[in-house]
Amino acid sequence: MAGIVISGLQVAGWVLFWGLYMAGSAWTSCWS
């Protein structure tokens, strides 16, 4: 059970990281 929770947190972390990264890239390209 714990392994499933940890995996879920890792996936959520990566999704959040890439979401912020892509949003940051789009924001930068819009303003440059």
PDB file of N, CA and C in Angstrom:
ATOM      1  N   MET A   1       0.828  -1.200   0.000  1.00  0.00           N
ATOM      2  CA  MET A   1       0.000   0.000   0.000  1.00  0.00           C
ATOM      3  C   MET A   1       0.870   1.261   0.000  1.00  0.00           C
ATOM      4  N   ALA A   2       1.891   1.241   0.866  1.00  0.00           N
ATOM      5  CA  ALA A   2       2.773   2.406   0.956  1.00  0.00           C
ATOM      6  C   ALA A   2       3.472   2.672  -0.381  1.00  0.00           C
ATOM      7  N   GLY A   3       3.837   1.592  -1.077  1.00  0.00           N
ATOM      8  CA  GLY A   3       4.519   1.748  -2.364  1.00  0.00           C
ATOM      9  C   GLY A   3       3.638   2.459  -3.378  1.00  0.00           C
ATOM     10  N   ILE A   4       2.342   2.147  -3.349  1.00  0.00           N
ATOM     11  CA  ILE A   4       1.405   2.793  -4.275  1.00  0.00           C
ATOM     12  C   ILE A   4       1.308   4.288  -3.963  1.00  0.00           C
ATOM     13  N   VAL A   5       1.257   4.614  -2.680  1.00  0.00           N
ATOM     14  CA  VAL A   5       1.163   6.025  -2.275  1.00  0.00           C
ATOM     15  C   VAL A   5       2.415   6.785  -2.699  1.00  0.00           C
ATOM     16  N   ILE A   6       3.593   6.194  -2.461  1.00  0.00           N
ATOM     17  CA  ILE A   6       4.855   6.830  -2.834  1.00  0.00           C
ATOM     18  C   ILE A   6       4.937   7.017  -4.349  1.00  0.00           C
ATOM     19  N   SER A   7       4.527   6.007  -5.095  1.00  0.00           N
ATOM     20  CA  SER A   7       4.552   6.110  -6.557  1.00  0.00           C
ATOM     21  C   SER A   7       3.614   7.227  -7.016  1.00  0.00           C
ATOM     22  N   GLY A   8       2.456   7.310  -6.395  1.00  0.00           N
ATOM     23  CA  GLY A   8       1.489   8.351  -6.747  1.00  0.00           C
ATOM     24  C   GLY A   8       2.053   9.731  -6.476  1.00  0.00           C
ATOM     25  N   LEU A   9       2.750   9.872  -5.346  1.00  0.00           N
ATOM     26  CA  LEU A   9       3.351  11.169  -5.009  1.00  0.00           C
ATOM     27  C   LEU A   9       4.456  11.522  -5.998  1.00  0.00           C
ATOM     28  N   GLN A  10       5.238  10.526  -6.401  1.00  0.00           N
ATOM     29  CA  GLN A  10       6.308  10.770  -7.368  1.00  0.00           C
ATOM     30  C   GLN A  10       5.730  11.222  -8.703  1.00  0.00           C
ATOM     31  N   VAL A  11       4.674  10.543  -9.157  1.00  0.00           N
ATOM     32  CA  VAL A  11       4.033  10.909 -10.422  1.00  0.00           C
ATOM     33  C   VAL A  11       3.452  12.314 -10.330  1.00  0.00           C
ATOM     34  N   ALA A  12       2.769  12.611  -9.219  1.00  0.00           N
ATOM     35  CA  ALA A  12       2.175  13.941  -9.039  1.00  0.00           C
ATOM     36  C   ALA A  12       3.268  15.004  -9.022  1.00  0.00           C
ATOM     37  N   GLY A  13       4.394  14.691  -8.393  1.00  0.00           N
ATOM     38  CA  GLY A  13       5.505  15.632  -8.330  1.00  0.00           C
ATOM     39  C   GLY A  13       6.066  15.916  -9.718  1.00  0.00           C
ATOM     40  N   TRP A  14       6.233  14.872 -10.514  1.00  0.00           N
ATOM     41  CA  TRP A  14       6.763  15.054 -11.867  1.00  0.00           C
ATOM     42  C   TRP A  14       5.793  15.826 -12.747  1.00  0.00           C
ATOM     43  N   VAL A  15       4.492  15.532 -12.612  1.00  0.00           N
ATOM     44  CA  VAL A  15       3.483  16.248 -13.403  1.00  0.00           C
ATOM     45  C   VAL A  15       3.496  17.732 -13.039  1.00  0.00           C
ATOM     46  N   LEU A  16       3.580  18.015 -11.725  1.00  0.00           N
ATOM     47  CA  LEU A  16       3.613  19.404 -11.271  1.00  0.00           C
ATOM     48  C   LEU A  16       4.869  20.098 -11.772  1.00  0.00           C
ATOM     49  N   PHE A  17       6.016  19.404 -11.672  1.00  0.00           N
ATOM     50  CA  PHE A  17       7.294  19.966 -12.117  1.00  0.00           C
ATOM     51  C   PHE A  17       7.256  20.308 -13.602  1.00  0.00           C
ATOM     52  N   TRP A  18       6.802  19.354 -14.434  1.00  0.00           N
ATOM     53  CA  TRP A  18       6.762  19.591 -15.873  1.00  0.00           C
ATOM     54  C   TRP A  18       5.713  20.633 -16.241  1.00  0.00           C
ATOM     55  N   GLY A  19       4.601  20.659 -15.488  1.00  0.00           N
ATOM     56  CA  GLY A  19       3.572  21.666 -15.742  1.00  0.00           C
ATOM     57  C   GLY A  19       4.128  23.064 -15.514  1.00  0.00           C
ATOM     58  N   LEU A  20       4.853  23.236 -14.398  1.00  0.00           N
ATOM     59  CA  LEU A  20       5.455  24.535 -14.100  1.00  0.00           C
ATOM     60  C   LEU A  20       6.536  24.868 -15.121  1.00  0.00           C
ATOM     61  N   TYR A  21       7.315  23.875 -15.519  1.00  0.00           N
ATOM     62  CA  TYR A  21       8.390  24.078 -16.487  1.00  0.00           C
ATOM     63  C   TYR A  21       7.833  24.536 -17.843  1.00  0.00           C
ATOM     64  N   MET A  22       6.810  23.848 -18.304  1.00  0.00           N
ATOM     65  CA  MET A  22       6.199  24.196 -19.587  1.00  0.00           C
ATOM     66  C   MET A  22       5.525  25.558 -19.518  1.00  0.00           C
ATOM     67  N   ALA A  23       4.847  25.838 -18.403  1.00  0.00           N
ATOM     68  CA  ALA A  23       4.192  27.135 -18.230  1.00  0.00           C
ATOM     69  C   ALA A  23       5.238  28.245 -18.202  1.00  0.00           C
ATOM     70  N   GLY A  24       6.353  27.991 -17.520  1.00  0.00           N
ATOM     71  CA  GLY A  24       7.428  28.978 -17.447  1.00  0.00           C
ATOM     72  C   GLY A  24       8.025  29.229 -18.819  1.00  0.00           C
ATOM     73  N   SER A  25       8.203  28.184 -19.594  1.00  0.00           N
ATOM     74  CA  SER A  25       8.767  28.329 -20.938  1.00  0.00           C
ATOM     75  C   SER A  25       7.819  29.129 -21.832  1.00  0.00           C
ATOM     76  N   ALA A  26       6.532  28.837 -21.737  1.00  0.00           N
ATOM     77  CA  ALA A  26       5.535  29.546 -22.535  1.00  0.00           C
ATOM     78  C   ALA A  26       5.488  31.014 -22.124  1.00  0.00           C
ATOM     79  N   TRP A  27       5.524  31.272 -20.813  1.00  0.00           N
ATOM     80  CA  TRP A  27       5.497  32.642 -20.288  1.00  0.00           C
ATOM     81  C   TRP A  27       6.708  33.427 -20.787  1.00  0.00           C
ATOM     82  N   THR A  28       7.886  32.794 -20.730  1.00  0.00           N
ATOM     83  CA  THR A  28       9.116  33.452 -21.169  1.00  0.00           C
ATOM     84  C   THR A  28       9.072  33.752 -22.668  1.00  0.00           C
ATOM     85  N   SER A  29       8.594  32.797 -23.451  1.00  0.00           N
ATOM     86  CA  SER A  29       8.570  32.987 -24.903  1.00  0.00           C
ATOM     87  C   SER A  29       7.564  34.065 -25.292  1.00  0.00           C
ATOM     88  N   CYS A  30       6.520  34.235 -24.497  1.00  0.00           N
ATOM     89  CA  CYS A  30       5.522  35.259 -24.783  1.00  0.00           C
ATOM     90  C   CYS A  30       6.084  36.656 -24.508  1.00  0.00           C
ATOM     91  N   TRP A  31       6.952  36.769 -23.507  1.00  0.00           N
ATOM     92  CA  TRP A  31       7.449  38.084 -23.101  1.00  0.00           C
ATOM     93  C   TRP A  31       8.780  38.467 -23.738  1.00  0.00           C
ATOM     94  N   SER A  32       9.439  37.501 -24.397  1.00  0.00           N
ATOM     95  CA  SER A  32      10.733  37.826 -24.986  1.00  0.00           C
ATOM     96  C   SER A  32      10.586  38.257 -26.456  1.00  0.00           C
TER      97      SER A  32
END
